[in-house]
C-alpha atoms as a PDB file:
ATOM      1  CA  UNK A   1       1.530 -30.144   6.964  1.00  0.00           C
ATOM      2  CA  UNK A   2       1.284 -27.734   9.863  1.00  0.00           C
ATOM      3  CA  UNK A   3       4.895 -27.637  11.027  1.00  0.00           C
ATOM      4  CA  UNK A   4       5.566 -24.721  13.369  1.00  0.00           C
ATOM      5  CA  UNK A   5       2.052 -23.265  13.215  1.00  0.00           C
ATOM      6  CA  UNK A   6       1.120 -22.800  16.876  1.00  0.00           C
ATOM      7  CA  UNK A   7      -1.338 -19.879  16.666  1.00  0.00           C
ATOM      8  CA  UNK A   8      -5.048 -20.624  16.603  1.00  0.00           C
ATOM      9  CA  UNK A   9      -6.399 -18.093  14.105  1.00  0.00           C
ATOM     10  CA  UNK A  10      -9.986 -18.372  15.433  1.00  0.00           C
ATOM     11  CA  UNK A  11     -11.354 -17.785  11.894  1.00  0.00           C
ATOM     12  CA  UNK A  12     -10.284 -14.124  11.978  1.00  0.00           C
ATOM     13  CA  UNK A  13      -7.745 -11.875  10.306  1.00  0.00           C
ATOM     14  CA  UNK A  14      -4.715 -10.810  12.345  1.00  0.00           C
ATOM     15  CA  UNK A  15      -5.930  -7.338  13.320  1.00  0.00           C
ATOM     16  CA  UNK A  16      -9.378  -8.618  14.313  1.00  0.00           C
ATOM     17  CA  UNK A  17      -7.878 -11.449  16.364  1.00  0.00           C
ATOM     18  CA  UNK A  18      -5.464  -9.155  18.216  1.00  0.00           C
ATOM     19  CA  UNK A  19      -8.209  -6.634  18.968  1.00  0.00           C
ATOM     20  CA  UNK A  20     -10.551  -9.371  20.186  1.00  0.00           C
ATOM     21  CA  UNK A  21      -7.923 -10.913  22.477  1.00  0.00           C
ATOM     22  CA  UNK A  22      -7.024  -7.478  23.818  1.00  0.00           C
ATOM     23  CA  UNK A  23     -10.655  -6.710  24.629  1.00  0.00           C
ATOM     24  CA  UNK A  24     -11.191 -10.109  26.214  1.00  0.00           C
ATOM     25  CA  UNK A  25      -8.025  -9.712  28.308  1.00  0.00           C
ATOM     26  CA  UNK A  26      -9.216  -6.294  29.545  1.00  0.00           C
ATOM     27  CA  UNK A  27     -12.570  -7.813  30.488  1.00  0.00           C
ATOM     28  CA  UNK A  28     -10.865 -10.697  32.278  1.00  0.00           C
ATOM     29  CA  UNK A  29      -8.652  -8.342  34.275  1.00  0.00           C
ATOM     30  CA  UNK A  30     -11.582  -6.090  35.131  1.00  0.00           C
ATOM     31  CA  UNK A  31     -14.179  -8.756  36.024  1.00  0.00           C
ATOM     32  CA  UNK A  32     -11.787 -11.572  37.117  1.00  0.00           C
ATOM     33  CA  UNK A  33     -13.829 -14.169  35.159  1.00  0.00           C
ATOM     34  CA  UNK A  34     -15.603 -14.284  31.804  1.00  0.00           C
ATOM     35  CA  UNK A  35     -17.603 -16.829  29.825  1.00  0.00           C
ATOM     36  CA  UNK A  36     -16.524 -17.586  26.271  1.00  0.00           C
ATOM     37  CA  UNK A  37     -15.948 -20.511  23.938  1.00  0.00           C
ATOM     38  CA  UNK A  38     -13.278 -23.078  24.755  1.00  0.00           C
ATOM     39  CA  UNK A  39     -11.102 -22.157  21.756  1.00  0.00           C
ATOM     40  CA  UNK A  40     -11.157 -18.454  22.630  1.00  0.00           C
ATOM     41  CA  UNK A  41     -10.451 -19.245  26.294  1.00  0.00           C
ATOM     42  CA  UNK A  42      -7.362 -21.264  25.348  1.00  0.00           C
ATOM     43  CA  UNK A  43      -6.129 -18.484  23.057  1.00  0.00           C
ATOM     44  CA  UNK A  44      -6.817 -15.906  25.775  1.00  0.00           C
ATOM     45  CA  UNK A  45      -4.867 -17.945  28.316  1.00  0.00           C
ATOM     46  CA  UNK A  46      -1.783 -17.835  26.075  1.00  0.00           C
ATOM     47  CA  UNK A  47      -2.312 -14.083  25.607  1.00  0.00           C
ATOM     48  CA  UNK A  48      -2.848 -13.113  29.267  1.00  0.00           C
ATOM     49  CA  UNK A  49      -0.346 -15.229  31.180  1.00  0.00           C
ATOM     50  CA  UNK A  50       2.798 -13.489  29.825  1.00  0.00           C
ATOM     51  CA  UNK A  51       1.197 -10.135  30.641  1.00  0.00           C
ATOM     52  CA  UNK A  52       0.615 -11.180  34.253  1.00  0.00           C
ATOM     53  CA  UNK A  53       4.218 -12.386  34.458  1.00  0.00           C
ATOM     54  CA  UNK A  54       5.387  -8.968  33.239  1.00  0.00           C
ATOM     55  CA  UNK A  55       3.136  -7.270  35.799  1.00  0.00           C
ATOM     56  CA  UNK A  56       4.939  -8.999  38.675  1.00  0.00           C
ATOM     57  CA  UNK A  57       7.910  -6.630  38.221  1.00  0.00           C
ATOM     58  CA  UNK A  58       6.547  -3.092  38.057  1.00  0.00           C
ATOM     59  CA  UNK A  59       8.874  -1.199  35.723  1.00  0.00           C
ATOM     60  CA  UNK A  60       8.126   1.465  33.142  1.00  0.00           C
ATOM     61  CA  UNK A  61       9.283  -0.839  30.367  1.00  0.00           C
ATOM     62  CA  UNK A  62       6.950  -3.643  31.450  1.00  0.00           C
ATOM     63  CA  UNK A  63       4.051  -1.207  31.745  1.00  0.00           C
ATOM     64  CA  UNK A  64       4.656   0.023  28.199  1.00  0.00           C
ATOM     65  CA  UNK A  65       4.908  -3.513  26.818  1.00  0.00           C
ATOM     66  CA  UNK A  66       1.684  -4.456  28.560  1.00  0.00           C
ATOM     67  CA  UNK A  67      -0.100  -1.311  27.391  1.00  0.00           C
ATOM     68  CA  UNK A  68       0.939  -2.082  23.807  1.00  0.00           C
ATOM     69  CA  UNK A  69      -0.953  -5.378  24.098  1.00  0.00           C
ATOM     70  CA  UNK A  70      -3.989  -4.291  26.152  1.00  0.00           C
ATOM     71  CA  UNK A  71      -4.512  -0.678  24.971  1.00  0.00           C
ATOM     72  CA  UNK A  72      -6.475   0.217  28.121  1.00  0.00           C
ATOM     73  CA  UNK A  73      -5.016   2.360  30.905  1.00  0.00           C
ATOM     74  CA  UNK A  74      -7.530   1.118  33.472  1.00  0.00           C
ATOM     75  CA  UNK A  75      -6.765  -2.536  32.743  1.00  0.00           C
ATOM     76  CA  UNK A  76      -3.004  -1.944  32.920  1.00  0.00           C
ATOM     77  CA  UNK A  77      -3.208  -0.124  36.265  1.00  0.00           C
ATOM     78  CA  UNK A  78      -5.462  -2.802  37.751  1.00  0.00           C
ATOM     79  CA  UNK A  79      -3.176  -5.528  36.432  1.00  0.00           C
ATOM     80  CA  UNK A  80      -0.070  -3.960  37.967  1.00  0.00           C
ATOM     81  CA  UNK A  81      -1.690  -2.988  41.281  1.00  0.00           C
ATOM     82  CA  UNK A  82      -4.212  -5.612  42.331  1.00  0.00           C
ATOM     83  CA  UNK A  83      -3.599  -8.681  40.187  1.00  0.00           C
ATOM     84  CA  UNK A  84       0.202  -8.602  40.438  1.00  0.00           C
ATOM     85  CA  UNK A  85       0.099  -8.293  44.228  1.00  0.00           C
ATOM     86  CA  UNK A  86      -2.159 -11.365  44.491  1.00  0.00           C
ATOM     87  CA  UNK A  87      -0.110 -13.568  42.168  1.00  0.00           C
ATOM     88  CA  UNK A  88       3.333 -12.348  43.233  1.00  0.00           C
ATOM     89  CA  UNK A  89       4.422 -15.669  44.744  1.00  0.00           C
ATOM     90  CA  UNK A  90       2.859 -17.916  42.065  1.00  0.00           C
ATOM     91  CA  UNK A  91       5.370 -19.175  39.459  1.00  0.00           C
ATOM     92  CA  UNK A  92       2.783 -19.454  36.658  1.00  0.00           C
ATOM     93  CA  UNK A  93      -0.674 -20.761  35.875  1.00  0.00           C
ATOM     94  CA  UNK A  94      -2.555 -17.562  36.640  1.00  0.00           C
ATOM     95  CA  UNK A  95      -5.758 -18.555  34.849  1.00  0.00           C
ATOM     96  CA  UNK A  96      -8.122 -21.511  35.066  1.00  0.00           C
ATOM     97  CA  UNK A  97     -10.474 -22.779  32.348  1.00  0.00           C
ATOM     98  CA  UNK A  98     -13.654 -24.552  33.472  1.00  0.00           C
ATOM     99  CA  UNK A  99     -15.813 -26.120  30.782  1.00  0.00           C
ATOM    100  CA  UNK A 100     -19.502 -25.273  31.069  1.00  0.00           C
ATOM    101  CA  UNK A 101     -21.176 -27.361  28.387  1.00  0.00           C
ATOM    102  CA  UNK A 102     -22.687 -26.357  25.071  1.00  0.00           C
ATOM    103  CA  UNK A 103     -24.339 -23.072  24.110  1.00  0.00           C
ATOM    104  CA  UNK A 104     -28.020 -23.364  23.266  1.00  0.00           C
ATOM    105  CA  UNK A 105     -27.972 -21.323  20.061  1.00  0.00           C
ATOM    106  CA  UNK A 106     -25.211 -23.005  18.077  1.00  0.00           C
ATOM    107  CA  UNK A 107     -24.037 -25.863  20.320  1.00  0.00           C
ATOM    108  CA  UNK A 108     -20.575 -24.322  20.772  1.00  0.00           C
ATOM    109  CA  UNK A 109     -18.409 -25.622  23.631  1.00  0.00           C
ATOM    110  CA  UNK A 110     -18.503 -22.948  26.333  1.00  0.00           C
ATOM    111  CA  UNK A 111     -15.985 -22.342  29.103  1.00  0.00           C
ATOM    112  CA  UNK A 112     -15.382 -19.964  31.968  1.00  0.00           C
ATOM    113  CA  UNK A 113     -11.888 -18.527  32.229  1.00  0.00           C
ATOM    114  CA  UNK A 114     -10.937 -16.920  35.522  1.00  0.00           C
ATOM    115  CA  UNK A 115      -7.968 -15.613  37.431  1.00  0.00           C
ATOM    116  CA  UNK A 116      -6.986 -18.327  39.894  1.00  0.00           C
ATOM    117  CA  UNK A 117      -6.435 -16.329  43.087  1.00  0.00           C
ATOM    118  CA  UNK A 118      -9.750 -14.488  42.846  1.00  0.00           C
ATOM    119  CA  UNK A 119     -12.010 -17.536  43.179  1.00  0.00           C
ATOM    120  CA  UNK A 120     -13.264 -17.769  46.773  1.00  0.00           C
ATOM    121  CA  UNK A 121     -14.782 -21.219  46.346  1.00  0.00           C
ATOM    122  CA  UNK A 122     -11.490 -22.984  45.665  1.00  0.00           C
ATOM    123  CA  UNK A 123      -9.333 -20.962  48.055  1.00  0.00           C
ATOM    124  CA  UNK A 124     -11.593 -21.475  51.093  1.00  0.00           C
ATOM    125  CA  UNK A 125     -12.102 -25.147  50.269  1.00  0.00           C
ATOM    126  CA  UNK A 126      -8.391 -25.906  50.488  1.00  0.00           C
ATOM    127  CA  UNK A 127      -8.040 -24.418  53.970  1.00  0.00           C
ATOM    128  CA  UNK A 128     -10.692 -26.587  55.604  1.00  0.00           C
ATOM    129  CA  UNK A 129      -9.880 -30.233  56.234  1.00  0.00           C
ATOM    130  CA  UNK A 130     -11.894 -32.589  54.059  1.00  0.00           C
ATOM    131  CA  UNK A 131     -13.196 -35.847  55.483  1.00  0.00           C
ATOM    132  CA  UNK A 132     -13.970 -38.831  53.351  1.00  0.00           C
ATOM    133  CA  UNK A 133     -17.171 -40.763  53.468  1.00  0.00           C
ATOM    134  CA  UNK A 134     -15.516 -43.846  54.943  1.00  0.00           C
ATOM    135  CA  UNK A 135     -14.027 -41.988  57.865  1.00  0.00           C
ATOM    136  CA  UNK A 136     -17.401 -40.503  58.746  1.00  0.00           C
ATOM    137  CA  UNK A 137     -19.072 -43.891  58.599  1.00  0.00           C
ATOM    138  CA  UNK A 138     -16.462 -45.527  60.757  1.00  0.00           C
ATOM    139  CA  UNK A 139     -16.675 -42.742  63.336  1.00  0.00           C
ATOM    140  CA  UNK A 140     -20.453 -42.790  63.258  1.00  0.00           C
ATOM    141  CA  UNK A 141     -20.727 -46.569  63.515  1.00  0.00           C
ATOM    142  CA  UNK A 142     -18.330 -46.616  66.454  1.00  0.00           C
ATOM    143  CA  UNK A 143     -20.112 -43.780  68.226  1.00  0.00           C
ATOM    144  CA  UNK A 144     -23.595 -45.273  67.962  1.00  0.00           C
ATOM    145  CA  UNK A 145     -22.859 -48.605  69.677  1.00  0.00           C
ATOM    146  CA  UNK A 146     -21.013 -46.781  72.426  1.00  0.00           C
ATOM    147  CA  UNK A 147     -24.030 -44.527  73.006  1.00  0.00           C
ATOM    148  CA  UNK A 148     -26.374 -47.518  72.949  1.00  0.00           C
ATOM    149  CA  UNK A 149     -24.215 -49.354  75.492  1.00  0.00           C
ATOM    150  CA  UNK A 150     -24.186 -46.383  77.857  1.00  0.00           C
ATOM    151  CA  UNK A 151     -27.946 -45.897  77.484  1.00  0.00           C
ATOM    152  CA  UNK A 152     -28.542 -49.630  78.105  1.00  0.00           C
ATOM    153  CA  UNK A 153     -26.357 -49.603  81.225  1.00  0.00           C
ATOM    154  CA  UNK A 154     -28.178 -46.498  82.506  1.00  0.00           C
ATOM    155  CA  UNK A 155     -31.550 -48.217  82.066  1.00  0.00           C
ATOM    156  CA  UNK A 156     -30.382 -51.352  83.907  1.00  0.00           C
ATOM    157  CA  UNK A 157     -29.142 -49.352  86.891  1.00  0.00           C
END
């Protein structure tokens, strides 16, 4: 039975797993999105989200706790300066996992994990008003007969 066993070990020893998650978290903070397997992306999400929550309040204690996990000064400073300012009003859910399909070499499920507020595609799409296909058809079908009627009346006169 697996009662109380919540950690996905990812087929690695503890030290290797912690080092791998730390490196992946630094890459995610630096590049804002990375491609990896689905299992690693889910484990990374659980690793990164508490760090981003700590970065929202910039104290020396939180910086030291974050540095103990990440072990990279550049990643910690970028997390506390840029990332924390972007996600300051968000209550959680700082990362998004998008499945990409299978890898060619070994058929592993691949995913892209990204920081939510840094994706321009989704943020600009929500600002513009979306129209459905039906509303366009109804507007177009109403506009065409009206144009035809005006053109027909102009020809008769």
